[in-house]
C-alpha atoms as a PDB file:
ATOM      1  CA  MET A   1     -71.310 -47.428  26.602  1.00  0.00           C
ATOM      2  CA  SER A   2     -70.499 -50.825  26.652  1.00  0.00           C
ATOM      3  CA  ARG A   3     -69.719 -52.498  22.687  1.00  0.00           C
ATOM      4  CA  GLY A   4     -72.433 -54.130  22.816  1.00  0.00           C
ATOM      5  CA  ALA A   5     -74.541 -51.734  23.477  1.00  0.00           C
ATOM      6  CA  ASN A   6     -73.621 -49.602  21.340  1.00  0.00           C
ATOM      7  CA  GLU A   7     -74.064 -52.869  18.506  1.00  0.00           C
ATOM      8  CA  ILE A   8     -77.839 -52.844  19.810  1.00  0.00           C
ATOM      9  CA  ARG A   9     -78.198 -48.731  19.167  1.00  0.00           C
ATOM     10  CA  LEU A  10     -76.902 -48.540  15.492  1.00  0.00           C
ATOM     11  CA  ARG A  11     -78.944 -51.882  14.253  1.00  0.00           C
ATOM     12  CA  ALA A  12     -82.115 -49.960  16.261  1.00  0.00           C
ATOM     13  CA  ALA A  13     -80.841 -46.862  14.302  1.00  0.00           C
ATOM     14  CA  GLU A  14     -80.472 -48.682  11.224  1.00  0.00           C
ATOM     15  CA  GLN A  15     -83.550 -50.427  11.144  1.00  0.00           C
ATOM     16  CA  ALA A  16     -85.432 -47.195  11.690  1.00  0.00           C
ATOM     17  CA  GLY A  17     -83.976 -45.832   8.919  1.00  0.00           C
ATOM     18  CA  GLY A  18     -81.526 -43.344  11.229  1.00  0.00           C
ATOM     19  CA  THR A  19     -78.918 -43.772   8.817  1.00  0.00           C
ATOM     20  CA  THR A  20     -77.172 -40.423  10.302  1.00  0.00           C
ATOM     21  CA  GLU A  21     -77.216 -41.532  13.892  1.00  0.00           C
ATOM     22  CA  ALA A  22     -75.683 -44.633  12.986  1.00  0.00           C
ATOM     23  CA  LEU A  23     -72.994 -43.073  11.208  1.00  0.00           C
ATOM     24  CA  ALA A  24     -71.995 -40.927  14.170  1.00  0.00           C
ATOM     25  CA  LEU A  25     -72.528 -43.821  16.252  1.00  0.00           C
ATOM     26  CA  TRP A  26     -69.897 -46.029  14.003  1.00  0.00           C
ATOM     27  CA  ARG A  27     -67.355 -43.218  13.397  1.00  0.00           C
ATOM     28  CA  ARG A  28     -67.298 -43.188  17.894  1.00  0.00           C
ATOM     29  CA  MET A  29     -66.667 -47.001  17.438  1.00  0.00           C
ATOM     30  CA  VAL A  30     -64.056 -46.611  14.512  1.00  0.00           C
ATOM     31  CA  ASP A  31     -62.059 -44.043  16.590  1.00  0.00           C
ATOM     32  CA  ALA A  32     -62.202 -46.299  19.842  1.00  0.00           C
ATOM     33  CA  ALA A  33     -60.956 -49.309  17.953  1.00  0.00           C
ATOM     34  CA  PRO A  34     -59.962 -47.993  15.012  1.00  0.00           C
ATOM     35  CA  LEU A  35     -57.785 -51.451  14.144  1.00  0.00           C
ATOM     36  CA  ASP A  36     -61.080 -53.442  14.143  1.00  0.00           C
ATOM     37  CA  THR A  37     -62.191 -54.290  10.462  1.00  0.00           C
ATOM     38  CA  GLY A  38     -65.973 -54.748  11.526  1.00  0.00           C
ATOM     39  CA  ALA A  39     -66.594 -51.544  13.463  1.00  0.00           C
ATOM     40  CA  VAL A  40     -65.166 -50.225   9.827  1.00  0.00           C
ATOM     41  CA  LEU A  41     -66.843 -52.283   6.912  1.00  0.00           C
ATOM     42  CA  ALA A  42     -70.308 -50.727   8.880  1.00  0.00           C
ATOM     43  CA  LEU A  43     -68.902 -47.489   9.166  1.00  0.00           C
ATOM     44  CA  MET A  44     -67.977 -47.222   4.948  1.00  0.00           C
ATOM     45  CA  ARG A  45     -71.295 -49.010   4.325  1.00  0.00           C
ATOM     46  CA  ALA A  46     -73.204 -46.155   6.410  1.00  0.00           C
ATOM     47  CA  HIS A  47     -71.478 -43.347   4.529  1.00  0.00           C
ATOM     48  CA  ASP A  48     -72.524 -44.768   1.320  1.00  0.00           C
ATOM     49  CA  ARG A  49     -76.264 -44.992   2.677  1.00  0.00           C
ATOM     50  CA  THR A  50     -76.174 -41.269   3.243  1.00  0.00           C
ATOM     51  CA  GLY A  51     -74.615 -41.412  -0.332  1.00  0.00           C
ATOM     52  CA  ASP A  52     -71.280 -39.719   0.515  1.00  0.00           C
ATOM     53  CA  ARG A  53     -69.354 -42.437  -1.380  1.00  0.00           C
ATOM     54  CA  ALA A  54     -65.944 -40.627  -1.206  1.00  0.00           C
ATOM     55  CA  ALA A  55     -65.721 -40.813   2.334  1.00  0.00           C
ATOM     56  CA  ALA A  56     -66.210 -45.051   2.282  1.00  0.00           C
ATOM     57  CA  LEU A  57     -63.741 -45.061   0.135  1.00  0.00           C
ATOM     58  CA  LEU A  58     -61.614 -42.325   2.733  1.00  0.00           C
ATOM     59  CA  THR A  59     -62.060 -44.288   4.978  1.00  0.00           C
ATOM     60  CA  ALA A  60     -60.985 -47.585   4.194  1.00  0.00           C
ATOM     61  CA  ARG A  61     -58.239 -45.985   2.817  1.00  0.00           C
ATOM     62  CA  GLU A  62     -57.208 -44.622   6.532  1.00  0.00           C
ATOM     63  CA  HIS A  63     -57.932 -48.341   7.431  1.00  0.00           C
ATOM     64  CA  GLU A  64     -55.989 -49.796   5.428  1.00  0.00           C
ATOM     65  CA  GLN A  65     -52.636 -47.715   6.277  1.00  0.00           C
ATOM     66  CA  ARG A  66     -53.419 -48.147  10.120  1.00  0.00           C
ATOM     67  CA  VAL A  67     -53.501 -51.774   9.481  1.00  0.00           C
END
C-alpha cells in the first residue's frame, strides 16, 4: 500500500477514535521508513493518546539514535 493510502487510513482511524489501529499503522510506517521524523512524531502522539508515555519516549530515543 502506498504511503498516501496509509496516511488516509491513519487519519480516518484517528478521527474515528481507533487509536489502537492508528498506533499499529504508524508503527508499520516507522518500520518501513525509520528516518521519517513526521511518522515518528505521529507514532509518539499515538502512544501518548493510548496513555503509554514510556513508549512515546522510547520511540523518541530510538529515532534520536538512528539520526
